[in-house]
Amino acid sequence: MEFTLETTLGEVLAHPQAKQVLDKHLRGVAANPMVQMAQGLSLNAILSLPQAAQLGLTREKVEGILAEINQRI
């Protein structure tokens, strides 16, 4: 499975290696209670949320994380 911007956050968190990479770049995100509400959203949809910008989460950053995930799996 290749992870893309259309992959849901829940799919990333369900894959142990992908979750590890995500947590490496966004420390503590997997344990954040707010993440539970966003699990059904695609990464692309999450990028459109104002909270993403407040956290400094950009398309480029997510694409870099996805590239690392796809290299590892």
C-alpha atoms as a PDB file:
ATOM      1  CA  MET A   1       0.000   0.000   0.000  1.00  0.00           C
ATOM      2  CA  GLU A   2       1.310   3.415  -0.910  1.00  0.00           C
ATOM      3  CA  PHE A   3       0.384   6.283   1.371  1.00  0.00           C
ATOM      4  CA  THR A   4      -0.754   9.479  -0.373  1.00  0.00           C
ATOM      5  CA  LEU A   5      -2.451  12.750   0.512  1.00  0.00           C
ATOM      6  CA  GLU A   6      -5.758  10.890   0.024  1.00  0.00           C
ATOM      7  CA  THR A   7      -4.856   8.367   2.743  1.00  0.00           C
ATOM      8  CA  THR A   8      -6.816   8.906   5.934  1.00  0.00           C
ATOM      9  CA  LEU A   9      -5.103   9.721   9.182  1.00  0.00           C
ATOM     10  CA  GLY A  10      -6.663   6.556  10.609  1.00  0.00           C
ATOM     11  CA  GLU A  11      -4.953   4.433   7.943  1.00  0.00           C
ATOM     12  CA  VAL A  12      -1.590   5.982   8.794  1.00  0.00           C
ATOM     13  CA  LEU A  13      -2.095   5.441  12.518  1.00  0.00           C
ATOM     14  CA  ALA A  14      -3.173   1.817  11.967  1.00  0.00           C
ATOM     15  CA  HIS A  15       0.146   0.954  10.300  1.00  0.00           C
ATOM     16  CA  PRO A  16       2.871   0.610  12.989  1.00  0.00           C
ATOM     17  CA  GLN A  17       5.784   1.771  10.806  1.00  0.00           C
ATOM     18  CA  ALA A  18       3.813   4.676   9.348  1.00  0.00           C
ATOM     19  CA  LYS A  19       2.673   5.716  12.811  1.00  0.00           C
ATOM     20  CA  GLN A  20       6.279   5.656  14.010  1.00  0.00           C
ATOM     21  CA  VAL A  21       7.387   7.995  11.200  1.00  0.00           C
ATOM     22  CA  LEU A  22       4.444  10.308  11.814  1.00  0.00           C
ATOM     23  CA  ASP A  23       5.239  10.510  15.515  1.00  0.00           C
ATOM     24  CA  LYS A  24       8.904  11.151  14.727  1.00  0.00           C
ATOM     25  CA  HIS A  25       7.996  14.276  12.775  1.00  0.00           C
ATOM     26  CA  LEU A  26       4.969  15.356  14.836  1.00  0.00           C
ATOM     27  CA  ARG A  27       5.840  14.317  18.372  1.00  0.00           C
ATOM     28  CA  GLY A  28       2.892  13.181  20.422  1.00  0.00           C
ATOM     29  CA  VAL A  29       0.351  13.507  17.622  1.00  0.00           C
ATOM     30  CA  ALA A  30      -0.726   9.872  17.809  1.00  0.00           C
ATOM     31  CA  ALA A  31      -1.570  10.219  21.513  1.00  0.00           C
ATOM     32  CA  ASN A  32      -3.420  13.531  21.141  1.00  0.00           C
ATOM     33  CA  PRO A  33      -7.143  13.075  21.916  1.00  0.00           C
ATOM     34  CA  MET A  34      -8.080  15.514  19.122  1.00  0.00           C
ATOM     35  CA  VAL A  35      -6.536  13.132  16.589  1.00  0.00           C
ATOM     36  CA  GLN A  36      -9.309  10.636  17.280  1.00  0.00           C
ATOM     37  CA  MET A  37     -11.827  13.026  15.720  1.00  0.00           C
ATOM     38  CA  ALA A  38      -9.727  13.443  12.569  1.00  0.00           C
ATOM     39  CA  GLN A  39      -9.021   9.780  11.824  1.00  0.00           C
ATOM     40  CA  GLY A  40     -11.609   9.635   9.028  1.00  0.00           C
ATOM     41  CA  LEU A  41     -10.152  12.662   7.242  1.00  0.00           C
ATOM     42  CA  SER A  42      -7.661  12.395   4.421  1.00  0.00           C
ATOM     43  CA  LEU A  43      -4.298  14.032   4.980  1.00  0.00           C
ATOM     44  CA  ASN A  44      -5.252  16.490   2.252  1.00  0.00           C
ATOM     45  CA  ALA A  45      -8.439  17.436   4.150  1.00  0.00           C
ATOM     46  CA  ILE A  46      -6.443  17.880   7.353  1.00  0.00           C
ATOM     47  CA  LEU A  47      -4.151  20.316   5.554  1.00  0.00           C
ATOM     48  CA  SER A  48      -7.148  22.524   4.804  1.00  0.00           C
ATOM     49  CA  LEU A  49      -7.974  22.907   8.506  1.00  0.00           C
ATOM     50  CA  PRO A  50      -6.840  26.108  10.260  1.00  0.00           C
ATOM     51  CA  GLN A  51      -5.340  23.998  13.049  1.00  0.00           C
ATOM     52  CA  ALA A  52      -2.872  22.494  10.577  1.00  0.00           C
ATOM     53  CA  ALA A  53      -1.509  25.926   9.712  1.00  0.00           C
ATOM     54  CA  GLN A  54      -1.320  26.847  13.393  1.00  0.00           C
ATOM     55  CA  LEU A  55       0.849  23.771  13.981  1.00  0.00           C
ATOM     56  CA  GLY A  56       3.071  24.596  11.024  1.00  0.00           C
ATOM     57  CA  LEU A  57       1.834  21.592   9.080  1.00  0.00           C
ATOM     58  CA  THR A  58       2.330  22.320   5.399  1.00  0.00           C
ATOM     59  CA  ARG A  59       1.756  20.296   2.255  1.00  0.00           C
ATOM     60  CA  GLU A  60       5.519  20.061   1.785  1.00  0.00           C
ATOM     61  CA  LYS A  61       6.005  18.705   5.301  1.00  0.00           C
ATOM     62  CA  VAL A  62       3.267  16.087   4.847  1.00  0.00           C
ATOM     63  CA  GLU A  63       4.687  15.064   1.466  1.00  0.00           C
ATOM     64  CA  GLY A  64       8.101  14.614   3.103  1.00  0.00           C
ATOM     65  CA  ILE A  65       6.583  12.472   5.846  1.00  0.00           C
ATOM     66  CA  LEU A  66       4.731  10.400   3.237  1.00  0.00           C
ATOM     67  CA  ALA A  67       7.926   9.899   1.257  1.00  0.00           C
ATOM     68  CA  GLU A  68       9.687   8.580   4.345  1.00  0.00           C
ATOM     69  CA  ILE A  69       6.752   6.322   5.202  1.00  0.00           C
ATOM     70  CA  ASN A  70       6.639   4.903   1.685  1.00  0.00           C
ATOM     71  CA  GLN A  71      10.408   4.256   1.777  1.00  0.00           C
ATOM     72  CA  ARG A  72      10.124   2.278   5.008  1.00  0.00           C
ATOM     73  CA  ILE A  73       7.181   0.055   4.177  1.00  0.00           C
END
